[in-house]
C-alpha atoms as a PDB file:
ATOM      1  CA  UNK A   1      -7.578 -22.128  71.082  1.00  0.00           C
ATOM      2  CA  UNK A   2     -10.845 -20.407  71.620  1.00  0.00           C
ATOM      3  CA  UNK A   3     -10.494 -20.192  75.283  1.00  0.00           C
ATOM      4  CA  UNK A   4      -6.877 -18.682  75.039  1.00  0.00           C
ATOM      5  CA  UNK A   5      -8.644 -15.858  71.794  1.00  0.00           C
ATOM      6  CA  UNK A   6     -11.491 -14.836  74.327  1.00  0.00           C
ATOM      7  CA  UNK A   7      -9.016 -14.147  76.776  1.00  0.00           C
ATOM      8  CA  UNK A   8      -7.512 -11.020  75.075  1.00  0.00           C
ATOM      9  CA  UNK A   9     -10.409  -9.457  74.438  1.00  0.00           C
ATOM     10  CA  UNK A  10     -12.292  -6.821  76.998  1.00  0.00           C
ATOM     11  CA  UNK A  11     -15.463  -7.806  78.997  1.00  0.00           C
ATOM     12  CA  UNK A  12     -17.101  -4.928  77.573  1.00  0.00           C
ATOM     13  CA  UNK A  13     -16.808  -6.127  73.985  1.00  0.00           C
ATOM     14  CA  UNK A  14     -16.781  -9.981  75.781  1.00  0.00           C
ATOM     15  CA  UNK A  15     -20.220 -10.202  73.697  1.00  0.00           C
ATOM     16  CA  UNK A  16     -19.485  -9.221  71.073  1.00  0.00           C
ATOM     17  CA  UNK A  17     -16.382 -11.589  71.012  1.00  0.00           C
ATOM     18  CA  UNK A  18     -17.564 -14.807  70.978  1.00  0.00           C
ATOM     19  CA  UNK A  19     -16.884 -16.801  68.044  1.00  0.00           C
ATOM     20  CA  UNK A  20     -18.261 -19.402  65.774  1.00  0.00           C
ATOM     21  CA  UNK A  21     -15.166 -22.008  64.235  1.00  0.00           C
ATOM     22  CA  UNK A  22     -16.276 -24.897  62.043  1.00  0.00           C
ATOM     23  CA  UNK A  23     -14.264 -25.493  60.380  1.00  0.00           C
ATOM     24  CA  UNK A  24     -12.235 -27.435  62.803  1.00  0.00           C
ATOM     25  CA  UNK A  25      -9.006 -26.892  65.487  1.00  0.00           C
ATOM     26  CA  UNK A  26      -6.839 -25.050  63.018  1.00  0.00           C
ATOM     27  CA  UNK A  27      -4.157 -24.992  65.237  1.00  0.00           C
ATOM     28  CA  UNK A  28      -1.307 -23.115  62.574  1.00  0.00           C
ATOM     29  CA  UNK A  29       2.059 -23.784  62.665  1.00  0.00           C
ATOM     30  CA  UNK A  30       4.123 -22.014  64.580  1.00  0.00           C
ATOM     31  CA  UNK A  31       6.833 -21.195  62.443  1.00  0.00           C
ATOM     32  CA  UNK A  32       6.327 -20.107  58.632  1.00  0.00           C
ATOM     33  CA  UNK A  33       8.369 -20.143  56.319  1.00  0.00           C
ATOM     34  CA  UNK A  34       8.946 -17.715  53.314  1.00  0.00           C
ATOM     35  CA  UNK A  35       5.127 -15.704  53.472  1.00  0.00           C
ATOM     36  CA  UNK A  36       6.997 -12.900  55.000  1.00  0.00           C
ATOM     37  CA  UNK A  37       5.277 -10.815  51.915  1.00  0.00           C
ATOM     38  CA  UNK A  38       2.363 -12.164  52.705  1.00  0.00           C
ATOM     39  CA  UNK A  39       1.636 -11.526  56.258  1.00  0.00           C
ATOM     40  CA  UNK A  40       2.667  -8.217  55.612  1.00  0.00           C
ATOM     41  CA  UNK A  41      -0.411  -8.365  52.700  1.00  0.00           C
ATOM     42  CA  UNK A  42      -3.536  -9.644  55.640  1.00  0.00           C
ATOM     43  CA  UNK A  43      -0.794  -6.907  57.831  1.00  0.00           C
ATOM     44  CA  UNK A  44      -2.698  -4.083  56.027  1.00  0.00           C
ATOM     45  CA  UNK A  45      -5.530  -5.041  54.915  1.00  0.00           C
ATOM     46  CA  UNK A  46      -6.444  -5.136  58.527  1.00  0.00           C
ATOM     47  CA  UNK A  47      -5.601  -1.634  59.170  1.00  0.00           C
ATOM     48  CA  UNK A  48      -3.441  -0.524  57.170  1.00  0.00           C
ATOM     49  CA  UNK A  49      -3.268   3.477  56.082  1.00  0.00           C
ATOM     50  CA  UNK A  50      -5.414   1.993  53.226  1.00  0.00           C
ATOM     51  CA  UNK A  51      -7.032  -1.518  54.519  1.00  0.00           C
ATOM     52  CA  UNK A  52      -9.748  -4.097  52.168  1.00  0.00           C
ATOM     53  CA  UNK A  53     -13.697  -5.114  53.214  1.00  0.00           C
ATOM     54  CA  UNK A  54     -12.456  -8.307  51.502  1.00  0.00           C
ATOM     55  CA  UNK A  55      -8.761 -10.151  50.877  1.00  0.00           C
ATOM     56  CA  UNK A  56      -9.059 -13.432  48.249  1.00  0.00           C
ATOM     57  CA  UNK A  57      -5.888 -15.028  48.729  1.00  0.00           C
ATOM     58  CA  UNK A  58      -5.347 -17.589  46.091  1.00  0.00           C
ATOM     59  CA  UNK A  59      -3.691 -20.226  44.734  1.00  0.00           C
ATOM     60  CA  UNK A  60      -3.244 -23.904  43.456  1.00  0.00           C
ATOM     61  CA  UNK A  61      -4.072 -26.525  46.268  1.00  0.00           C
ATOM     62  CA  UNK A  62      -1.323 -27.860  48.740  1.00  0.00           C
ATOM     63  CA  UNK A  63       0.939 -24.009  48.538  1.00  0.00           C
ATOM     64  CA  UNK A  64      -0.473 -23.280  52.250  1.00  0.00           C
ATOM     65  CA  UNK A  65      -3.282 -20.410  51.259  1.00  0.00           C
ATOM     66  CA  UNK A  66      -5.352 -22.349  55.232  1.00  0.00           C
ATOM     67  CA  UNK A  67      -1.953 -22.554  56.741  1.00  0.00           C
ATOM     68  CA  UNK A  68      -1.293 -19.083  56.213  1.00  0.00           C
ATOM     69  CA  UNK A  69      -4.675 -17.591  57.378  1.00  0.00           C
ATOM     70  CA  UNK A  70      -4.398 -18.884  60.390  1.00  0.00           C
ATOM     71  CA  UNK A  71      -0.915 -18.823  61.160  1.00  0.00           C
ATOM     72  CA  UNK A  72      -1.750 -14.430  60.573  1.00  0.00           C
ATOM     73  CA  UNK A  73      -4.512 -14.738  62.699  1.00  0.00           C
ATOM     74  CA  UNK A  74      -3.293 -16.153  65.533  1.00  0.00           C
ATOM     75  CA  UNK A  75      -0.288 -13.856  65.434  1.00  0.00           C
ATOM     76  CA  UNK A  76      -2.751 -11.232  65.608  1.00  0.00           C
ATOM     77  CA  UNK A  77      -4.586 -12.237  67.945  1.00  0.00           C
ATOM     78  CA  UNK A  78      -1.492 -11.876  70.194  1.00  0.00           C
ATOM     79  CA  UNK A  79      -1.347  -8.041  69.888  1.00  0.00           C
ATOM     80  CA  UNK A  80      -3.241  -5.999  71.890  1.00  0.00           C
ATOM     81  CA  UNK A  81      -4.823  -3.801  69.471  1.00  0.00           C
ATOM     82  CA  UNK A  82      -5.227  -6.620  67.165  1.00  0.00           C
ATOM     83  CA  UNK A  83      -9.490  -4.763  67.438  1.00  0.00           C
ATOM     84  CA  UNK A  84     -11.277  -8.209  66.756  1.00  0.00           C
ATOM     85  CA  UNK A  85     -15.127  -7.692  67.899  1.00  0.00           C
ATOM     86  CA  UNK A  86     -16.056 -10.544  66.422  1.00  0.00           C
ATOM     87  CA  UNK A  87     -15.197 -13.758  64.489  1.00  0.00           C
ATOM     88  CA  UNK A  88     -16.696 -15.720  62.709  1.00  0.00           C
ATOM     89  CA  UNK A  89     -14.751 -18.332  60.476  1.00  0.00           C
ATOM     90  CA  UNK A  90     -16.047 -21.150  58.498  1.00  0.00           C
ATOM     91  CA  UNK A  91     -14.450 -24.357  55.609  1.00  0.00           C
ATOM     92  CA  UNK A  92     -16.662 -25.658  52.766  1.00  0.00           C
ATOM     93  CA  UNK A  93     -14.587 -27.972  52.211  1.00  0.00           C
ATOM     94  CA  UNK A  94     -15.687 -28.610  56.638  1.00  0.00           C
ATOM     95  CA  UNK A  95     -19.465 -27.937  55.579  1.00  0.00           C
ATOM     96  CA  UNK A  96     -19.165 -30.525  53.199  1.00  0.00           C
ATOM     97  CA  UNK A  97     -17.659 -32.555  55.314  1.00  0.00           C
ATOM     98  CA  UNK A  98     -20.415 -32.664  57.441  1.00  0.00           C
ATOM     99  CA  UNK A  99     -23.343 -33.671  55.445  1.00  0.00           C
ATOM    100  CA  UNK A 100     -24.536 -37.211  54.403  1.00  0.00           C
ATOM    101  CA  UNK A 101     -23.968 -38.330  52.089  1.00  0.00           C
ATOM    102  CA  UNK A 102     -27.646 -37.434  50.360  1.00  0.00           C
ATOM    103  CA  UNK A 103     -26.572 -34.370  51.458  1.00  0.00           C
ATOM    104  CA  UNK A 104     -23.200 -33.940  49.020  1.00  0.00           C
ATOM    105  CA  UNK A 105     -24.076 -33.061  45.873  1.00  0.00           C
ATOM    106  CA  UNK A 106     -26.939 -30.601  47.684  1.00  0.00           C
ATOM    107  CA  UNK A 107     -23.949 -28.884  49.838  1.00  0.00           C
ATOM    108  CA  UNK A 108     -21.652 -28.180  46.521  1.00  0.00           C
ATOM    109  CA  UNK A 109     -23.733 -26.268  44.359  1.00  0.00           C
ATOM    110  CA  UNK A 110     -25.228 -23.674  47.463  1.00  0.00           C
ATOM    111  CA  UNK A 111     -23.937 -22.553  51.245  1.00  0.00           C
ATOM    112  CA  UNK A 112     -27.467 -22.749  52.265  1.00  0.00           C
ATOM    113  CA  UNK A 113     -25.771 -25.026  55.330  1.00  0.00           C
ATOM    114  CA  UNK A 114     -23.331 -21.810  55.723  1.00  0.00           C
ATOM    115  CA  UNK A 115     -26.261 -19.202  56.092  1.00  0.00           C
ATOM    116  CA  UNK A 116     -27.913 -20.770  58.391  1.00  0.00           C
ATOM    117  CA  UNK A 117     -25.208 -20.926  60.764  1.00  0.00           C
ATOM    118  CA  UNK A 118     -24.114 -17.302  60.138  1.00  0.00           C
ATOM    119  CA  UNK A 119     -27.926 -15.192  60.341  1.00  0.00           C
ATOM    120  CA  UNK A 120     -28.079 -16.984  63.546  1.00  0.00           C
ATOM    121  CA  UNK A 121     -24.303 -16.885  64.845  1.00  0.00           C
ATOM    122  CA  UNK A 122     -24.707 -13.207  63.835  1.00  0.00           C
ATOM    123  CA  UNK A 123     -28.418 -12.270  65.671  1.00  0.00           C
ATOM    124  CA  UNK A 124     -31.328 -13.106  63.252  1.00  0.00           C
ATOM    125  CA  UNK A 125     -32.400 -16.473  63.799  1.00  0.00           C
ATOM    126  CA  UNK A 126     -35.838 -16.285  62.387  1.00  0.00           C
ATOM    127  CA  UNK A 127     -34.178 -15.438  59.020  1.00  0.00           C
ATOM    128  CA  UNK A 128     -31.627 -18.575  59.811  1.00  0.00           C
ATOM    129  CA  UNK A 129     -34.481 -20.574  59.458  1.00  0.00           C
ATOM    130  CA  UNK A 130     -37.712 -19.100  57.447  1.00  0.00           C
ATOM    131  CA  UNK A 131     -38.187 -19.954  53.432  1.00  0.00           C
ATOM    132  CA  UNK A 132     -36.622 -16.588  52.514  1.00  0.00           C
ATOM    133  CA  UNK A 133     -34.303 -16.641  49.549  1.00  0.00           C
ATOM    134  CA  UNK A 134     -30.553 -16.866  49.487  1.00  0.00           C
ATOM    135  CA  UNK A 135     -29.845 -13.892  47.757  1.00  0.00           C
ATOM    136  CA  UNK A 136     -31.672 -11.735  50.555  1.00  0.00           C
ATOM    137  CA  UNK A 137     -30.339 -14.102  53.488  1.00  0.00           C
ATOM    138  CA  UNK A 138     -26.989 -12.321  52.173  1.00  0.00           C
ATOM    139  CA  UNK A 139     -28.062  -9.188  52.151  1.00  0.00           C
ATOM    140  CA  UNK A 140     -28.607  -9.246  55.724  1.00  0.00           C
ATOM    141  CA  UNK A 141     -25.871 -11.293  56.206  1.00  0.00           C
ATOM    142  CA  UNK A 142     -23.501  -8.486  55.285  1.00  0.00           C
ATOM    143  CA  UNK A 143     -25.625  -5.771  56.968  1.00  0.00           C
ATOM    144  CA  UNK A 144     -25.092  -7.635  60.339  1.00  0.00           C
ATOM    145  CA  UNK A 145     -21.479  -7.864  59.467  1.00  0.00           C
ATOM    146  CA  UNK A 146     -21.158  -4.617  58.716  1.00  0.00           C
ATOM    147  CA  UNK A 147     -22.670  -2.921  62.728  1.00  0.00           C
ATOM    148  CA  UNK A 148     -19.579  -4.567  63.973  1.00  0.00           C
ATOM    149  CA  UNK A 149     -15.384  -4.881  63.375  1.00  0.00           C
ATOM    150  CA  UNK A 150     -15.740  -8.052  62.287  1.00  0.00           C
ATOM    151  CA  UNK A 151     -13.083 -11.347  60.529  1.00  0.00           C
ATOM    152  CA  UNK A 152     -15.004 -13.233  59.245  1.00  0.00           C
ATOM    153  CA  UNK A 153     -12.741 -15.945  57.417  1.00  0.00           C
ATOM    154  CA  UNK A 154     -14.372 -17.614  54.618  1.00  0.00           C
ATOM    155  CA  UNK A 155     -11.896 -21.198  53.225  1.00  0.00           C
ATOM    156  CA  UNK A 156     -11.562 -23.142  50.553  1.00  0.00           C
ATOM    157  CA  UNK A 157     -14.774 -21.328  48.940  1.00  0.00           C
ATOM    158  CA  UNK A 158     -13.923 -23.449  44.965  1.00  0.00           C
ATOM    159  CA  UNK A 159     -16.494 -25.939  46.287  1.00  0.00           C
ATOM    160  CA  UNK A 160     -18.898 -23.214  45.063  1.00  0.00           C
ATOM    161  CA  UNK A 161     -17.239 -21.525  41.563  1.00  0.00           C
ATOM    162  CA  UNK A 162     -18.058 -22.554  38.511  1.00  0.00           C
ATOM    163  CA  UNK A 163     -14.741 -24.689  37.824  1.00  0.00           C
ATOM    164  CA  UNK A 164     -13.544 -22.946  34.445  1.00  0.00           C
ATOM    165  CA  UNK A 165     -14.723 -19.598  35.195  1.00  0.00           C
ATOM    166  CA  UNK A 166     -14.685 -19.049  38.806  1.00  0.00           C
ATOM    167  CA  UNK A 167     -17.758 -17.237  38.878  1.00  0.00           C
ATOM    168  CA  UNK A 168     -19.827 -18.487  42.383  1.00  0.00           C
ATOM    169  CA  UNK A 169     -22.369 -20.996  41.980  1.00  0.00           C
ATOM    170  CA  UNK A 170     -24.458 -19.230  44.229  1.00  0.00           C
ATOM    171  CA  UNK A 171     -26.873 -16.352  44.938  1.00  0.00           C
ATOM    172  CA  UNK A 172     -26.470 -15.746  48.700  1.00  0.00           C
ATOM    173  CA  UNK A 173     -22.986 -16.092  48.569  1.00  0.00           C
ATOM    174  CA  UNK A 174     -22.821 -13.454  45.628  1.00  0.00           C
ATOM    175  CA  UNK A 175     -25.078 -10.636  47.389  1.00  0.00           C
ATOM    176  CA  UNK A 176     -22.680 -11.600  50.369  1.00  0.00           C
ATOM    177  CA  UNK A 177     -19.750 -10.153  49.216  1.00  0.00           C
ATOM    178  CA  UNK A 178     -21.084  -7.287  46.904  1.00  0.00           C
ATOM    179  CA  UNK A 179     -22.631  -5.971  50.151  1.00  0.00           C
ATOM    180  CA  UNK A 180     -19.488  -6.300  51.864  1.00  0.00           C
ATOM    181  CA  UNK A 181     -17.334  -4.806  49.887  1.00  0.00           C
ATOM    182  CA  UNK A 182     -18.768  -1.861  49.459  1.00  0.00           C
ATOM    183  CA  UNK A 183     -18.957  -1.595  52.931  1.00  0.00           C
ATOM    184  CA  UNK A 184     -17.451  -3.288  55.951  1.00  0.00           C
ATOM    185  CA  UNK A 185     -15.970  -1.907  58.545  1.00  0.00           C
ATOM    186  CA  UNK A 186     -14.129  -5.633  59.669  1.00  0.00           C
ATOM    187  CA  UNK A 187     -12.408  -7.563  56.708  1.00  0.00           C
ATOM    188  CA  UNK A 188     -13.400 -10.884  55.450  1.00  0.00           C
ATOM    189  CA  UNK A 189     -10.509 -12.911  53.728  1.00  0.00           C
ATOM    190  CA  UNK A 190     -11.302 -15.927  51.298  1.00  0.00           C
ATOM    191  CA  UNK A 191      -8.661 -18.786  50.397  1.00  0.00           C
ATOM    192  CA  UNK A 192      -9.878 -20.366  46.930  1.00  0.00           C
ATOM    193  CA  UNK A 193      -7.904 -21.615  43.949  1.00  0.00           C
ATOM    194  CA  UNK A 194      -9.669 -19.981  41.287  1.00  0.00           C
ATOM    195  CA  UNK A 195     -10.249 -16.079  41.040  1.00  0.00           C
ATOM    196  CA  UNK A 196     -13.603 -14.288  41.884  1.00  0.00           C
ATOM    197  CA  UNK A 197     -14.688 -12.756  39.601  1.00  0.00           C
ATOM    198  CA  UNK A 198     -17.693 -10.962  41.009  1.00  0.00           C
ATOM    199  CA  UNK A 199     -15.506  -8.287  42.240  1.00  0.00           C
ATOM    200  CA  UNK A 200     -13.974  -7.791  39.843  1.00  0.00           C
ATOM    201  CA  UNK A 201     -16.056  -4.112  40.140  1.00  0.00           C
ATOM    202  CA  UNK A 202     -13.695  -3.448  43.516  1.00  0.00           C
ATOM    203  CA  UNK A 203     -10.563  -4.629  43.050  1.00  0.00           C
ATOM    204  CA  UNK A 204      -7.676  -1.942  43.162  1.00  0.00           C
ATOM    205  CA  UNK A 205     -10.030  -0.392  46.064  1.00  0.00           C
ATOM    206  CA  UNK A 206     -12.087  -2.598  48.264  1.00  0.00           C
ATOM    207  CA  UNK A 207     -11.199  -5.753  47.487  1.00  0.00           C
ATOM    208  CA  UNK A 208      -7.196  -7.153  46.653  1.00  0.00           C
ATOM    209  CA  UNK A 209      -6.179 -10.498  45.654  1.00  0.00           C
ATOM    210  CA  UNK A 210      -2.949 -12.248  46.808  1.00  0.00           C
ATOM    211  CA  UNK A 211      -2.053 -14.228  44.654  1.00  0.00           C
ATOM    212  CA  UNK A 212       0.035 -17.032  46.286  1.00  0.00           C
ATOM    213  CA  UNK A 213       2.694 -18.409  44.592  1.00  0.00           C
ATOM    214  CA  UNK A 214       5.584 -21.644  44.608  1.00  0.00           C
ATOM    215  CA  UNK A 215       8.481 -21.246  47.782  1.00  0.00           C
ATOM    216  CA  UNK A 216      11.939 -20.561  46.042  1.00  0.00           C
ATOM    217  CA  UNK A 217      14.358 -23.444  45.509  1.00  0.00           C
ATOM    218  CA  UNK A 218      15.775 -20.936  49.100  1.00  0.00           C
ATOM    219  CA  UNK A 219      12.477 -21.047  51.550  1.00  0.00           C
ATOM    220  CA  UNK A 220      12.149 -24.729  49.946  1.00  0.00           C
ATOM    221  CA  UNK A 221      15.061 -25.427  51.092  1.00  0.00           C
ATOM    222  CA  UNK A 222      14.233 -24.144  53.917  1.00  0.00           C
ATOM    223  CA  UNK A 223      11.533 -25.898  54.244  1.00  0.00           C
ATOM    224  CA  UNK A 224      12.910 -29.503  54.034  1.00  0.00           C
ATOM    225  CA  UNK A 225      15.683 -28.893  56.258  1.00  0.00           C
ATOM    226  CA  UNK A 226      13.145 -28.188  58.974  1.00  0.00           C
ATOM    227  CA  UNK A 227      11.825 -31.155  58.670  1.00  0.00           C
ATOM    228  CA  UNK A 228      14.933 -32.861  59.295  1.00  0.00           C
ATOM    229  CA  UNK A 229      16.275 -33.353  55.711  1.00  0.00           C
ATOM    230  CA  UNK A 230      19.919 -33.863  55.085  1.00  0.00           C
ATOM    231  CA  UNK A 231      21.812 -33.007  51.892  1.00  0.00           C
ATOM    232  CA  UNK A 232      24.023 -30.577  50.519  1.00  0.00           C
ATOM    233  CA  UNK A 233      22.634 -26.541  49.577  1.00  0.00           C
ATOM    234  CA  UNK A 234      23.058 -27.926  46.520  1.00  0.00           C
ATOM    235  CA  UNK A 235      20.966 -31.123  47.033  1.00  0.00           C
ATOM    236  CA  UNK A 236      18.315 -29.144  49.238  1.00  0.00           C
ATOM    237  CA  UNK A 237      17.808 -26.378  46.184  1.00  0.00           C
ATOM    238  CA  UNK A 238      17.515 -28.688  43.276  1.00  0.00           C
ATOM    239  CA  UNK A 239      14.930 -31.361  45.334  1.00  0.00           C
ATOM    240  CA  UNK A 240      12.773 -27.809  46.505  1.00  0.00           C
ATOM    241  CA  UNK A 241      12.846 -27.454  42.337  1.00  0.00           C
ATOM    242  CA  UNK A 242      12.512 -30.314  41.751  1.00  0.00           C
ATOM    243  CA  UNK A 243       9.271 -30.029  44.001  1.00  0.00           C
ATOM    244  CA  UNK A 244       7.964 -26.811  42.043  1.00  0.00           C
ATOM    245  CA  UNK A 245       8.246 -24.984  45.366  1.00  0.00           C
ATOM    246  CA  UNK A 246       5.102 -27.182  46.120  1.00  0.00           C
ATOM    247  CA  UNK A 247       4.759 -26.501  49.951  1.00  0.00           C
ATOM    248  CA  UNK A 248       2.715 -29.582  50.919  1.00  0.00           C
ATOM    249  CA  UNK A 249       4.826 -31.806  48.770  1.00  0.00           C
ATOM    250  CA  UNK A 250       7.903 -30.947  50.322  1.00  0.00           C
ATOM    251  CA  UNK A 251       6.232 -30.659  53.949  1.00  0.00           C
ATOM    252  CA  UNK A 252       5.378 -34.709  53.423  1.00  0.00           C
ATOM    253  CA  UNK A 253       8.479 -35.350  51.343  1.00  0.00           C
ATOM    254  CA  UNK A 254      10.948 -33.865  54.420  1.00  0.00           C
ATOM    255  CA  UNK A 255       8.443 -36.061  56.698  1.00  0.00           C
ATOM    256  CA  UNK A 256       9.507 -39.616  54.408  1.00  0.00           C
ATOM    257  CA  UNK A 257      12.647 -38.806  53.837  1.00  0.00           C
ATOM    258  CA  UNK A 258      13.601 -38.445  57.722  1.00  0.00           C
ATOM    259  CA  UNK A 259      10.388 -41.522  58.840  1.00  0.00           C
ATOM    260  CA  UNK A 260      12.040 -43.967  55.543  1.00  0.00           C
ATOM    261  CA  UNK A 261      15.300 -42.588  55.037  1.00  0.00           C
ATOM    262  CA  UNK A 262      16.886 -40.969  58.378  1.00  0.00           C
ATOM    263  CA  UNK A 263      17.066 -37.750  57.251  1.00  0.00           C
ATOM    264  CA  UNK A 264      19.676 -38.464  53.828  1.00  0.00           C
ATOM    265  CA  UNK A 265      18.614 -36.602  50.450  1.00  0.00           C
ATOM    266  CA  UNK A 266      20.260 -39.247  48.451  1.00  0.00           C
ATOM    267  CA  UNK A 267      17.949 -41.506  48.401  1.00  0.00           C
ATOM    268  CA  UNK A 268      14.973 -39.411  46.511  1.00  0.00           C
ATOM    269  CA  UNK A 269      14.810 -39.654  43.237  1.00  0.00           C
ATOM    270  CA  UNK A 270      14.222 -35.878  42.140  1.00  0.00           C
ATOM    271  CA  UNK A 271      14.363 -36.549  38.345  1.00  0.00           C
ATOM    272  CA  UNK A 272      10.637 -38.330  38.503  1.00  0.00           C
ATOM    273  CA  UNK A 273       8.980 -35.457  40.330  1.00  0.00           C
ATOM    274  CA  UNK A 274      10.169 -33.265  37.116  1.00  0.00           C
ATOM    275  CA  UNK A 275       8.431 -34.758  35.737  1.00  0.00           C
ATOM    276  CA  UNK A 276       5.338 -34.337  37.687  1.00  0.00           C
ATOM    277  CA  UNK A 277       2.662 -31.604  37.181  1.00  0.00           C
ATOM    278  CA  UNK A 278       1.751 -29.724  39.994  1.00  0.00           C
ATOM    279  CA  UNK A 279      -2.096 -31.438  40.671  1.00  0.00           C
ATOM    280  CA  UNK A 280      -0.476 -34.885  40.975  1.00  0.00           C
ATOM    281  CA  UNK A 281       2.946 -34.261  43.688  1.00  0.00           C
ATOM    282  CA  UNK A 282       0.770 -34.479  46.357  1.00  0.00           C
ATOM    283  CA  UNK A 283      -0.269 -37.709  45.305  1.00  0.00           C
ATOM    284  CA  UNK A 284       3.056 -39.243  44.024  1.00  0.00           C
ATOM    285  CA  UNK A 285       4.671 -38.070  47.701  1.00  0.00           C
ATOM    286  CA  UNK A 286       1.547 -39.866  49.425  1.00  0.00           C
ATOM    287  CA  UNK A 287       2.064 -42.936  47.347  1.00  0.00           C
ATOM    288  CA  UNK A 288       6.003 -43.654  48.642  1.00  0.00           C
ATOM    289  CA  UNK A 289       4.688 -43.777  51.579  1.00  0.00           C
ATOM    290  CA  UNK A 290       1.960 -46.487  50.751  1.00  0.00           C
ATOM    291  CA  UNK A 291       4.429 -48.363  49.193  1.00  0.00           C
ATOM    292  CA  UNK A 292       7.270 -47.798  52.295  1.00  0.00           C
ATOM    293  CA  UNK A 293       4.628 -49.452  54.472  1.00  0.00           C
ATOM    294  CA  UNK A 294       4.315 -52.631  51.993  1.00  0.00           C
ATOM    295  CA  UNK A 295       7.591 -53.155  52.018  1.00  0.00           C
ATOM    296  CA  UNK A 296       7.712 -52.763  55.194  1.00  0.00           C
ATOM    297  CA  UNK A 297       5.217 -55.188  56.337  1.00  0.00           C
ATOM    298  CA  UNK A 298       3.315 -51.996  57.970  1.00  0.00           C
ATOM    299  CA  UNK A 299       0.085 -53.932  58.336  1.00  0.00           C
ATOM    300  CA  UNK A 300      -2.102 -51.548  61.105  1.00  0.00           C
ATOM    301  CA  UNK A 301      -0.141 -48.648  59.308  1.00  0.00           C
ATOM    302  CA  UNK A 302      -0.747 -48.804  55.633  1.00  0.00           C
ATOM    303  CA  UNK A 303      -4.516 -49.387  56.934  1.00  0.00           C
ATOM    304  CA  UNK A 304      -4.839 -46.059  58.833  1.00  0.00           C
ATOM    305  CA  UNK A 305      -2.525 -44.078  56.560  1.00  0.00           C
ATOM    306  CA  UNK A 306      -5.896 -45.401  53.621  1.00  0.00           C
ATOM    307  CA  UNK A 307      -8.265 -45.018  55.768  1.00  0.00           C
ATOM    308  CA  UNK A 308      -7.093 -41.400  56.098  1.00  0.00           C
ATOM    309  CA  UNK A 309      -7.292 -41.011  52.768  1.00  0.00           C
ATOM    310  CA  UNK A 310     -11.123 -41.126  52.252  1.00  0.00           C
ATOM    311  CA  UNK A 311     -10.598 -37.990  53.823  1.00  0.00           C
ATOM    312  CA  UNK A 312     -10.325 -34.343  52.026  1.00  0.00           C
ATOM    313  CA  UNK A 313     -10.201 -32.476  55.714  1.00  0.00           C
ATOM    314  CA  UNK A 314      -9.973 -32.859  59.012  1.00  0.00           C
ATOM    315  CA  UNK A 315     -12.926 -35.718  61.112  1.00  0.00           C
ATOM    316  CA  UNK A 316     -13.940 -35.813  64.187  1.00  0.00           C
ATOM    317  CA  UNK A 317     -14.903 -38.775  65.905  1.00  0.00           C
ATOM    318  CA  UNK A 318     -19.301 -37.886  65.044  1.00  0.00           C
END
């Protein structure tokens, strides 16, 4: 990814364009179905007549928030006039996954690792390693980001938010976001499952929220067709509705139907899907995979599936 990105920056800006990508090889989908309006909103936030300092993409898990942002970023980078001087991408899920077992509890409640890495990247390694308060580090990080037109992506912020109120449990992040909300020549994009009440003062001015809705029945049917599902238009629309337009569930279902039943949509009990809540749809689909592999005595594949289930994000070889 990065060699392609660095090649589109002018030599004069190359020093400021180096990237810190800690969320794995985030290669977005080549095509994105049913998100044209959302892609347009991202473009306006970056370079529209009324651009934004922070854009918060909010949606249920599996709705496609990360895919949307990565796809938009890839399209932006292909433009000669993209305007990106620096780029920083951090996943808080990746942060948690990179820690030892003893650090999991701690890393899920603070931004220490993020602040240290970001401060080092943006040019203040001494503060990064100091015992200064997280609030001071967050303030300083905002100041450093504000010096250039920077694209910052903070993916999966919900581990550091209160499960009920959505309030940030971390002072460093509060300082950073409030600083960027006040002044930011670039754009900070956040993906999360919950609203950020800390930005309420700036909503509709320098900050905005993009709620990612379920796919429409038509778009869901198109996604199923893209995955190799075969059936009548009515059957495809019905399955899309049964899956409640949940993007990840539809993508998994499509692949499952193609592999297990040669794409025949009639193999799926749609009534069983309608009885599930959004949070259970993906688990139900993975359960179908498991039962299919068990029935076919595919022991190796089943072991791999269960091993992958231990990780909530792409795992490195380290």
